[in-house]
Amino acid sequence: MIAKQGLPRFIAIAGLTMALILPLATPTAAAEGSPQNAVELRVSDVEFEEAGRYGQFTYTREFHDLSGHGAKIRHGRVCYSSGGCISAPLEYIVEPGGVLVQEGQLLMPMSISQAFDFTYIGEDGEGGDVTVRARILVVGAQLELQELE
């Protein structure tokens, strides 16, 4: 019985680890607008699939350079509301004025309603610190990205 309860958590951790460590990255066109942050995180192409107890989501993660200087993301961390965090060193490069697109990201909630807090740390093209924070809130088959300050 204990092994069955630990399996969803293990699967979620494995999925989140893969989302942090194994992105599929290709640059695309730049986003326009007045930058408030050097880099902005967005999600698109969200799909829900019945799998396991609470289903799973696949989505595309996008890092948009708003400063025009580009950025290097060196570290990522995701913390989930059910407890615990996963962190990993990263080598994400967002070209000046560009968008880093990471398709096929996987998110496996461990309850019907769960928040995932993502933090990415690096530097912009001028050597200044860059921190990107966002929350993905999952409720049933719905996924919503919320900007954190």
N, C-alpha and C. Protein backbone atom coordinates (compact mmCIF):
# COMPACT_ATOMS: atom_id res chain seq x y z
N MET A 1 0.82 -1.19 0.00
CA MET A 1 0.00 0.00 0.00
C MET A 1 0.86 1.26 0.00
N ILE A 2 1.92 1.28 0.76
CA ILE A 2 2.80 2.44 0.81
C ILE A 2 3.47 2.65 -0.54
N ALA A 3 3.87 1.58 -1.20
CA ALA A 3 4.52 1.71 -2.50
C ALA A 3 3.57 2.34 -3.52
N LYS A 4 2.29 1.98 -3.49
CA LYS A 4 1.33 2.56 -4.42
C LYS A 4 1.16 4.05 -4.18
N GLN A 5 1.16 4.49 -2.93
CA GLN A 5 1.00 5.91 -2.63
C GLN A 5 2.23 6.70 -3.05
N GLY A 6 3.39 6.13 -2.99
CA GLY A 6 4.61 6.82 -3.36
C GLY A 6 4.81 6.91 -4.86
N LEU A 7 4.15 6.05 -5.64
CA LEU A 7 4.35 6.02 -7.08
C LEU A 7 3.94 7.32 -7.77
N PRO A 8 2.76 7.91 -7.49
CA PRO A 8 2.42 9.17 -8.17
C PRO A 8 3.43 10.28 -7.89
N ARG A 9 3.92 10.34 -6.66
CA ARG A 9 4.92 11.36 -6.32
C ARG A 9 6.21 11.11 -7.10
N PHE A 10 6.63 9.86 -7.19
CA PHE A 10 7.83 9.52 -7.94
C PHE A 10 7.67 9.90 -9.41
N ILE A 11 6.52 9.58 -9.99
CA ILE A 11 6.27 9.90 -11.40
C ILE A 11 6.28 11.41 -11.61
N ALA A 12 5.66 12.15 -10.71
CA ALA A 12 5.64 13.62 -10.82
C ALA A 12 7.05 14.19 -10.72
N ILE A 13 7.84 13.67 -9.80
CA ILE A 13 9.21 14.15 -9.64
C ILE A 13 10.02 13.85 -10.90
N ALA A 14 9.85 12.65 -11.44
CA ALA A 14 10.56 12.29 -12.66
C ALA A 14 10.15 13.20 -13.81
N GLY A 15 8.87 13.48 -13.93
CA GLY A 15 8.38 14.36 -14.99
C GLY A 15 8.91 15.77 -14.84
N LEU A 16 8.92 16.29 -13.63
CA LEU A 16 9.42 17.65 -13.40
C LEU A 16 10.92 17.73 -13.63
N THR A 17 11.63 16.70 -13.24
CA THR A 17 13.07 16.67 -13.48
C THR A 17 13.35 16.72 -14.97
N MET A 18 12.61 15.93 -15.74
CA MET A 18 12.79 15.94 -17.19
C MET A 18 12.45 17.31 -17.76
N ALA A 19 11.42 17.95 -17.23
CA ALA A 19 11.03 19.28 -17.71
C ALA A 19 12.13 20.30 -17.46
N LEU A 20 12.86 20.15 -16.37
CA LEU A 20 13.96 21.07 -16.08
C LEU A 20 15.22 20.74 -16.87
N ILE A 21 15.50 19.46 -17.07
CA ILE A 21 16.80 19.06 -17.58
C ILE A 21 16.81 18.77 -19.08
N LEU A 22 15.72 18.27 -19.64
CA LEU A 22 15.74 17.81 -21.02
C LEU A 22 14.83 18.60 -21.95
N PRO A 23 15.03 19.90 -22.10
CA PRO A 23 14.17 20.66 -22.99
C PRO A 23 14.56 20.47 -24.45
N LEU A 24 13.60 20.67 -25.34
CA LEU A 24 13.85 20.71 -26.77
C LEU A 24 13.80 22.18 -27.14
N ALA A 25 14.92 22.78 -27.51
CA ALA A 25 14.98 24.23 -27.67
C ALA A 25 15.24 24.63 -29.11
N THR A 26 14.48 25.63 -29.60
CA THR A 26 14.71 26.25 -30.89
C THR A 26 14.37 27.73 -30.77
N PRO A 27 15.20 28.62 -31.34
CA PRO A 27 14.87 30.04 -31.27
C PRO A 27 13.78 30.39 -32.27
N THR A 28 12.96 31.41 -31.95
CA THR A 28 11.93 31.91 -32.86
C THR A 28 11.96 33.43 -32.83
N ALA A 29 10.99 34.04 -33.44
CA ALA A 29 10.93 35.49 -33.55
C ALA A 29 10.74 36.17 -32.20
N ALA A 30 11.07 37.43 -32.15
CA ALA A 30 11.01 38.20 -30.90
C ALA A 30 9.59 38.66 -30.59
N ALA A 31 9.35 38.84 -29.31
CA ALA A 31 8.10 39.44 -28.85
C ALA A 31 8.30 40.94 -28.76
N GLU A 32 7.25 41.71 -29.06
CA GLU A 32 7.35 43.16 -28.99
C GLU A 32 6.69 43.67 -27.73
N GLY A 33 7.12 44.85 -27.27
CA GLY A 33 6.50 45.44 -26.09
C GLY A 33 7.53 46.08 -25.19
N SER A 34 7.07 46.81 -24.21
CA SER A 34 7.96 47.46 -23.26
C SER A 34 8.38 46.47 -22.18
N PRO A 35 9.68 46.26 -22.01
CA PRO A 35 10.11 45.29 -21.01
C PRO A 35 9.96 45.79 -19.58
N GLN A 36 9.38 44.97 -18.73
CA GLN A 36 9.39 45.23 -17.30
C GLN A 36 10.42 44.32 -16.66
N ASN A 37 10.56 43.12 -17.18
CA ASN A 37 11.58 42.17 -16.74
C ASN A 37 12.45 41.87 -17.96
N ALA A 38 13.67 41.42 -17.72
CA ALA A 38 14.55 41.09 -18.83
C ALA A 38 14.05 39.88 -19.60
N VAL A 39 13.46 38.91 -18.91
CA VAL A 39 12.96 37.68 -19.54
C VAL A 39 11.59 37.36 -18.95
N GLU A 40 10.69 36.95 -19.81
CA GLU A 40 9.34 36.58 -19.38
C GLU A 40 9.06 35.14 -19.78
N LEU A 41 8.42 34.40 -18.89
CA LEU A 41 8.05 33.01 -19.15
C LEU A 41 6.60 32.96 -19.58
N ARG A 42 6.33 32.20 -20.65
CA ARG A 42 4.97 31.98 -21.14
C ARG A 42 4.80 30.49 -21.44
N VAL A 43 3.55 30.03 -21.42
CA VAL A 43 3.25 28.65 -21.83
C VAL A 43 2.22 28.68 -22.94
N SER A 44 2.27 27.67 -23.81
CA SER A 44 1.31 27.55 -24.90
C SER A 44 1.11 26.07 -25.20
N ASP A 45 0.19 25.79 -26.11
CA ASP A 45 -0.06 24.42 -26.58
C ASP A 45 -0.30 23.44 -25.43
N VAL A 46 -1.09 23.86 -24.45
CA VAL A 46 -1.36 23.03 -23.27
C VAL A 46 -2.36 21.93 -23.64
N GLU A 47 -2.02 20.70 -23.31
CA GLU A 47 -2.91 19.56 -23.54
C GLU A 47 -2.98 18.71 -22.28
N PHE A 48 -4.19 18.28 -21.94
CA PHE A 48 -4.41 17.41 -20.78
C PHE A 48 -4.68 16.00 -21.28
N GLU A 49 -4.12 15.03 -20.58
CA GLU A 49 -4.32 13.62 -20.93
C GLU A 49 -4.63 12.85 -19.65
N GLU A 50 -5.63 11.99 -19.73
CA GLU A 50 -5.93 11.11 -18.60
C GLU A 50 -4.77 10.13 -18.45
N ALA A 51 -4.13 10.17 -17.31
CA ALA A 51 -3.01 9.27 -17.02
C ALA A 51 -2.84 9.24 -15.52
N GLY A 52 -2.68 8.07 -14.96
CA GLY A 52 -2.52 7.98 -13.52
C GLY A 52 -3.76 8.49 -12.81
N ARG A 53 -3.57 8.92 -11.59
CA ARG A 53 -4.71 9.33 -10.77
C ARG A 53 -5.24 10.72 -11.12
N TYR A 54 -4.35 11.66 -11.45
CA TYR A 54 -4.76 13.05 -11.67
C TYR A 54 -4.45 13.56 -13.07
N GLY A 55 -4.08 12.69 -13.97
CA GLY A 55 -3.79 13.10 -15.34
C GLY A 55 -2.41 13.73 -15.47
N GLN A 56 -2.13 14.19 -16.68
CA GLN A 56 -0.87 14.87 -16.94
C GLN A 56 -1.07 15.92 -18.02
N PHE A 57 -0.19 16.90 -18.03
CA PHE A 57 -0.24 17.98 -18.99
C PHE A 57 1.04 17.97 -19.81
N THR A 58 0.93 18.22 -21.10
CA THR A 58 2.08 18.57 -21.92
C THR A 58 1.87 20.01 -22.38
N TYR A 59 2.96 20.73 -22.53
CA TYR A 59 2.86 22.13 -22.91
C TYR A 59 4.18 22.59 -23.51
N THR A 60 4.15 23.76 -24.11
CA THR A 60 5.34 24.40 -24.64
C THR A 60 5.70 25.55 -23.70
N ARG A 61 6.96 25.59 -23.29
CA ARG A 61 7.45 26.65 -22.41
C ARG A 61 8.26 27.61 -23.27
N GLU A 62 8.05 28.92 -23.08
CA GLU A 62 8.73 29.94 -23.88
C GLU A 62 9.37 30.98 -22.97
N PHE A 63 10.65 31.24 -23.18
CA PHE A 63 11.35 32.32 -22.50
C PHE A 63 11.51 33.46 -23.51
N HIS A 64 10.87 34.60 -23.26
CA HIS A 64 10.91 35.76 -24.16
C HIS A 64 11.89 36.79 -23.62
N ASP A 65 12.88 37.19 -24.46
CA ASP A 65 13.80 38.26 -24.07
C ASP A 65 13.11 39.59 -24.32
N LEU A 66 12.89 40.36 -23.28
CA LEU A 66 12.23 41.65 -23.39
C LEU A 66 13.22 42.82 -23.35
N SER A 67 14.47 42.54 -23.00
CA SER A 67 15.45 43.62 -22.84
C SER A 67 16.21 43.92 -24.12
N GLY A 68 16.23 42.97 -25.05
CA GLY A 68 17.02 43.13 -26.26
C GLY A 68 18.48 42.75 -26.08
N HIS A 69 18.85 42.27 -24.89
CA HIS A 69 20.23 41.90 -24.61
C HIS A 69 20.45 40.39 -24.54
N GLY A 70 19.38 39.61 -24.57
CA GLY A 70 19.51 38.17 -24.42
C GLY A 70 19.75 37.79 -22.98
N ALA A 71 19.82 36.49 -22.73
CA ALA A 71 20.05 36.01 -21.37
C ALA A 71 20.56 34.58 -21.39
N LYS A 72 21.27 34.24 -20.33
CA LYS A 72 21.69 32.86 -20.07
C LYS A 72 21.06 32.44 -18.76
N ILE A 73 20.25 31.40 -18.81
CA ILE A 73 19.62 30.87 -17.60
C ILE A 73 20.51 29.73 -17.11
N ARG A 74 21.02 29.86 -15.89
CA ARG A 74 22.01 28.92 -15.35
C ARG A 74 21.45 27.93 -14.34
N HIS A 75 20.31 28.24 -13.74
CA HIS A 75 19.78 27.38 -12.68
C HIS A 75 18.27 27.43 -12.70
N GLY A 76 17.64 26.28 -12.47
CA GLY A 76 16.18 26.23 -12.39
C GLY A 76 15.73 25.45 -11.18
N ARG A 77 14.60 25.87 -10.63
CA ARG A 77 14.02 25.17 -9.48
C ARG A 77 12.51 25.18 -9.61
N VAL A 78 11.91 24.05 -9.28
CA VAL A 78 10.45 23.98 -9.21
C VAL A 78 10.08 23.44 -7.84
N CYS A 79 9.16 24.13 -7.19
CA CYS A 79 8.63 23.69 -5.90
C CYS A 79 7.15 23.43 -6.08
N TYR A 80 6.66 22.38 -5.46
CA TYR A 80 5.24 22.05 -5.62
C TYR A 80 4.54 22.13 -4.28
N SER A 81 3.26 22.52 -4.36
CA SER A 81 2.49 22.82 -3.16
C SER A 81 2.30 21.62 -2.25
N SER A 82 2.45 20.42 -2.77
CA SER A 82 2.31 19.24 -1.92
C SER A 82 3.59 18.96 -1.13
N GLY A 83 4.61 19.78 -1.34
CA GLY A 83 5.85 19.66 -0.57
C GLY A 83 7.03 19.24 -1.42
N GLY A 84 8.13 19.90 -1.22
CA GLY A 84 9.37 19.55 -1.88
C GLY A 84 9.70 20.43 -3.07
N CYS A 85 10.97 20.39 -3.44
CA CYS A 85 11.48 21.15 -4.58
C CYS A 85 12.47 20.29 -5.35
N ILE A 86 12.63 20.61 -6.61
CA ILE A 86 13.64 19.98 -7.45
C ILE A 86 14.42 21.12 -8.08
N SER A 87 15.75 21.03 -8.07
CA SER A 87 16.54 22.06 -8.73
C SER A 87 17.62 21.40 -9.57
N ALA A 88 18.06 22.14 -10.59
CA ALA A 88 19.06 21.60 -11.50
C ALA A 88 19.83 22.73 -12.16
N PRO A 89 21.12 22.50 -12.45
CA PRO A 89 21.85 23.47 -13.26
C PRO A 89 21.31 23.42 -14.69
N LEU A 90 21.29 24.56 -15.36
CA LEU A 90 20.75 24.64 -16.71
C LEU A 90 21.72 25.39 -17.62
N GLU A 91 21.55 25.23 -18.90
CA GLU A 91 22.28 26.01 -19.90
C GLU A 91 21.30 26.46 -20.97
N TYR A 92 20.36 27.32 -20.60
CA TYR A 92 19.39 27.86 -21.54
C TYR A 92 19.93 29.20 -22.05
N ILE A 93 19.90 29.40 -23.35
CA ILE A 93 20.33 30.66 -23.93
C ILE A 93 19.16 31.27 -24.68
N VAL A 94 18.80 32.48 -24.27
CA VAL A 94 17.75 33.24 -24.95
C VAL A 94 18.47 34.32 -25.76
N GLU A 95 18.36 34.23 -27.07
CA GLU A 95 19.05 35.17 -27.95
C GLU A 95 18.50 36.58 -27.77
N PRO A 96 19.33 37.61 -28.01
CA PRO A 96 18.84 38.99 -27.90
C PRO A 96 17.59 39.22 -28.75
N GLY A 97 16.54 39.70 -28.12
CA GLY A 97 15.28 39.96 -28.81
C GLY A 97 14.55 38.71 -29.25
N GLY A 98 14.96 37.55 -28.78
CA GLY A 98 14.40 36.29 -29.25
C GLY A 98 13.55 35.57 -28.22
N VAL A 99 13.17 34.36 -28.61
CA VAL A 99 12.35 33.50 -27.77
C VAL A 99 12.97 32.11 -27.77
N LEU A 100 13.21 31.57 -26.60
CA LEU A 100 13.65 30.19 -26.46
C LEU A 100 12.40 29.34 -26.27
N VAL A 101 12.14 28.43 -27.21
CA VAL A 101 10.94 27.60 -27.19
C VAL A 101 11.33 26.18 -26.78
N GLN A 102 10.64 25.65 -25.77
CA GLN A 102 10.89 24.29 -25.29
C GLN A 102 9.58 23.52 -25.38
N GLU A 103 9.47 22.70 -26.40
CA GLU A 103 8.24 21.93 -26.63
C GLU A 103 8.26 20.64 -25.82
N GLY A 104 7.07 20.06 -25.66
CA GLY A 104 6.96 18.75 -25.05
C GLY A 104 7.26 18.70 -23.56
N GLN A 105 7.03 19.79 -22.84
CA GLN A 105 7.25 19.79 -21.40
C GLN A 105 6.13 18.99 -20.73
N LEU A 106 6.44 18.31 -19.65
CA LEU A 106 5.50 17.41 -18.98
C LEU A 106 5.28 17.87 -17.55
N LEU A 107 4.03 17.88 -17.13
CA LEU A 107 3.67 18.24 -15.76
C LEU A 107 2.65 17.23 -15.27
N MET A 108 2.97 16.56 -14.16
CA MET A 108 2.09 15.52 -13.61
C MET A 108 1.69 15.89 -12.18
N PRO A 109 0.50 16.45 -12.01
CA PRO A 109 0.07 16.84 -10.66
C PRO A 109 -0.12 15.63 -9.75
N MET A 110 0.05 15.88 -8.44
CA MET A 110 -0.09 14.82 -7.44
C MET A 110 -1.40 14.94 -6.68
N SER A 111 -2.22 15.92 -7.05
CA SER A 111 -3.55 16.07 -6.45
C SER A 111 -4.44 16.79 -7.47
N ILE A 112 -5.72 16.86 -7.18
CA ILE A 112 -6.67 17.48 -8.11
C ILE A 112 -6.40 18.97 -8.29
N SER A 113 -5.82 19.60 -7.27
CA SER A 113 -5.47 21.02 -7.33
C SER A 113 -4.06 21.18 -6.78
N GLN A 114 -3.17 21.75 -7.58
CA GLN A 114 -1.78 21.86 -7.16
C GLN A 114 -1.11 23.05 -7.84
N ALA A 115 -0.21 23.70 -7.11
CA ALA A 115 0.58 24.80 -7.64
C ALA A 115 2.03 24.35 -7.78
N PHE A 116 2.65 24.76 -8.88
CA PHE A 116 4.06 24.51 -9.14
C PHE A 116 4.73 25.87 -9.30
N ASP A 117 5.70 26.19 -8.44
CA ASP A 117 6.41 27.47 -8.51
C ASP A 117 7.76 27.26 -9.17
N PHE A 118 7.96 27.93 -10.31
CA PHE A 118 9.19 27.82 -11.08
C PHE A 118 10.04 29.07 -10.85
N THR A 119 11.35 28.87 -10.62
CA THR A 119 12.30 29.97 -10.50
C THR A 119 13.50 29.65 -11.38
N TYR A 120 13.86 30.59 -12.25
CA TYR A 120 15.03 30.44 -13.12
C TYR A 120 15.95 31.61 -12.84
N ILE A 121 17.26 31.34 -12.72
CA ILE A 121 18.24 32.36 -12.37
C ILE A 121 19.37 32.33 -13.40
N GLY A 122 19.82 33.51 -13.80
CA GLY A 122 20.92 33.61 -14.74
C GLY A 122 21.37 35.05 -14.86
N GLU A 123 21.89 35.40 -16.05
CA GLU A 123 22.33 36.77 -16.28
C GLU A 123 21.94 37.20 -17.69
N ASP A 124 21.77 38.52 -17.85
CA ASP A 124 21.45 39.03 -19.18
C ASP A 124 22.73 39.23 -19.97
N GLY A 125 22.59 39.67 -21.22
CA GLY A 125 23.74 39.85 -22.10
C GLY A 125 24.72 40.91 -21.65
N GLU A 126 24.32 41.75 -20.69
CA GLU A 126 25.22 42.77 -20.16
C GLU A 126 25.80 42.38 -18.80
N GLY A 127 25.54 41.15 -18.36
CA GLY A 127 26.09 40.66 -17.10
C GLY A 127 25.22 40.93 -15.88
N GLY A 128 24.06 41.54 -16.07
CA GLY A 128 23.16 41.79 -14.94
C GLY A 128 22.39 40.54 -14.56
N ASP A 129 21.97 40.47 -13.31
CA ASP A 129 21.22 39.32 -12.81
C ASP A 129 19.84 39.25 -13.45
N VAL A 130 19.41 38.03 -13.76
CA VAL A 130 18.07 37.78 -14.29
C VAL A 130 17.42 36.71 -13.42
N THR A 131 16.22 36.99 -12.95
CA THR A 131 15.42 36.00 -12.23
C THR A 131 14.04 35.97 -12.86
N VAL A 132 13.60 34.78 -13.22
CA VAL A 132 12.28 34.58 -13.80
C VAL A 132 11.49 33.71 -12.84
N ARG A 133 10.33 34.21 -12.42
CA ARG A 133 9.48 33.45 -11.49
C ARG A 133 8.09 33.34 -12.08
N ALA A 134 7.52 32.15 -11.96
CA ALA A 134 6.15 31.93 -12.43
C ALA A 134 5.55 30.76 -11.66
N ARG A 135 4.24 30.76 -11.60
CA ARG A 135 3.51 29.67 -10.96
C ARG A 135 2.58 29.05 -12.00
N ILE A 136 2.59 27.73 -12.05
CA ILE A 136 1.59 27.02 -12.84
C ILE A 136 0.62 26.43 -11.85
N LEU A 137 -0.63 26.83 -11.99
CA LEU A 137 -1.70 26.34 -11.13
C LEU A 137 -2.53 25.33 -11.91
N VAL A 138 -2.68 24.13 -11.35
CA VAL A 138 -3.46 23.07 -11.97
C VAL A 138 -4.68 22.82 -11.11
N VAL A 139 -5.84 22.84 -11.74
CA VAL A 139 -7.10 22.47 -11.07
C VAL A 139 -7.83 21.55 -12.03
N GLY A 140 -7.87 20.26 -11.69
CA GLY A 140 -8.50 19.29 -12.58
C GLY A 140 -7.78 19.25 -13.92
N ALA A 141 -8.53 19.47 -15.00
CA ALA A 141 -7.97 19.43 -16.35
C ALA A 141 -7.56 20.82 -16.84
N GLN A 142 -7.50 21.82 -15.95
CA GLN A 142 -7.15 23.19 -16.32
C GLN A 142 -5.76 23.55 -15.80
N LEU A 143 -4.99 24.25 -16.63
CA LEU A 143 -3.66 24.71 -16.26
C LEU A 143 -3.60 26.21 -16.53
N GLU A 144 -3.08 26.96 -15.55
CA GLU A 144 -2.98 28.42 -15.69
C GLU A 144 -1.60 28.88 -15.25
N LEU A 145 -0.98 29.74 -16.05
CA LEU A 145 0.31 30.34 -15.70
C LEU A 145 0.05 31.66 -15.00
N GLN A 146 0.71 31.85 -13.84
CA GLN A 146 0.59 33.09 -13.08
C GLN A 146 1.98 33.66 -12.88
N GLU A 147 2.13 34.95 -13.14
CA GLU A 147 3.42 35.61 -12.94
C GLU A 147 3.64 35.86 -11.45
N LEU A 148 4.83 35.59 -10.97
CA LEU A 148 5.19 35.86 -9.58
C LEU A 148 6.21 36.98 -9.55
N GLU A 149 6.21 37.76 -8.49
CA GLU A 149 7.18 38.86 -8.36
C GLU A 149 8.26 38.51 -7.40
